[in-house]
Amino acid sequence: MATTPAKKAEGCGAGEADWTSGLKRLYDSVLDEPLPDSFKDLLSKLDENGAK
């Protein structure tokens, strides 16, 4: 019986593929980035308009 990509993904863990750990590191680095001021301003404006 052949191993499908889904079965390979389920088996990932301690021996996960390099791209998997790289993707996790990239995702974590994005989460650690501060929210840009322009985006904060936009959210504030949207909150003000929603309260009207």
Protein backbone atom coordinates (compact mmCIF):
# COMPACT_ATOMS: atom_id res chain seq x y z
CA MET A 1 0.00 0.00 0.00
CA ALA A 2 1.41 3.40 -1.00
CA THR A 3 1.81 6.21 1.52
CA THR A 4 -0.28 9.26 0.64
CA PRO A 5 0.87 12.83 1.38
CA ALA A 6 -1.82 13.06 4.06
CA LYS A 7 -0.45 9.96 5.78
CA LYS A 8 3.07 11.39 5.62
CA ALA A 9 1.83 14.65 7.22
CA GLU A 10 0.12 12.73 10.03
CA GLY A 11 3.37 10.97 10.78
CA CYS A 12 5.32 14.24 11.14
CA GLY A 13 6.57 15.03 14.59
CA ALA A 14 10.06 14.50 15.90
CA GLY A 15 11.21 13.67 12.39
CA GLU A 16 9.23 16.37 10.60
CA ALA A 17 10.40 17.71 7.28
CA ASP A 18 12.75 20.70 7.18
CA TRP A 19 10.20 22.83 5.36
CA THR A 20 7.68 22.20 8.13
CA SER A 21 9.93 23.53 10.88
CA GLY A 22 10.96 26.43 8.61
CA LEU A 23 7.32 27.33 8.01
CA LYS A 24 6.63 27.24 11.76
CA ARG A 25 9.60 29.55 12.41
CA LEU A 26 8.37 31.97 9.72
CA TYR A 27 4.85 31.98 11.17
CA ASP A 28 6.18 32.59 14.69
CA SER A 29 8.37 35.46 13.46
CA VAL A 30 5.35 37.13 11.82
CA LEU A 31 3.36 36.82 15.05
CA ASP A 32 6.20 38.54 16.92
CA GLU A 33 6.18 41.57 14.59
CA PRO A 34 4.53 44.70 16.02
CA LEU A 35 1.29 45.92 14.49
CA PRO A 36 2.03 48.82 12.10
CA ASP A 37 0.77 52.24 13.23
CA SER A 38 -1.18 52.67 9.99
CA PHE A 39 -3.08 49.47 10.74
CA LYS A 40 -3.77 50.58 14.32
CA ASP A 41 -5.14 53.87 12.95
CA LEU A 42 -7.37 52.02 10.51
CA LEU A 43 -8.75 49.81 13.29
CA SER A 44 -9.44 52.89 15.43
CA LYS A 45 -11.34 54.55 12.58
CA LEU A 46 -13.37 51.41 12.00
CA ASP A 47 -14.22 51.24 15.72
CA GLU A 48 -15.34 54.89 15.70
CA ASN A 49 -17.55 54.36 12.64
CA GLY A 50 -19.03 51.19 14.11
CA ALA A 51 -20.01 52.99 17.32
CA LYS A 52 -22.14 55.55 15.42
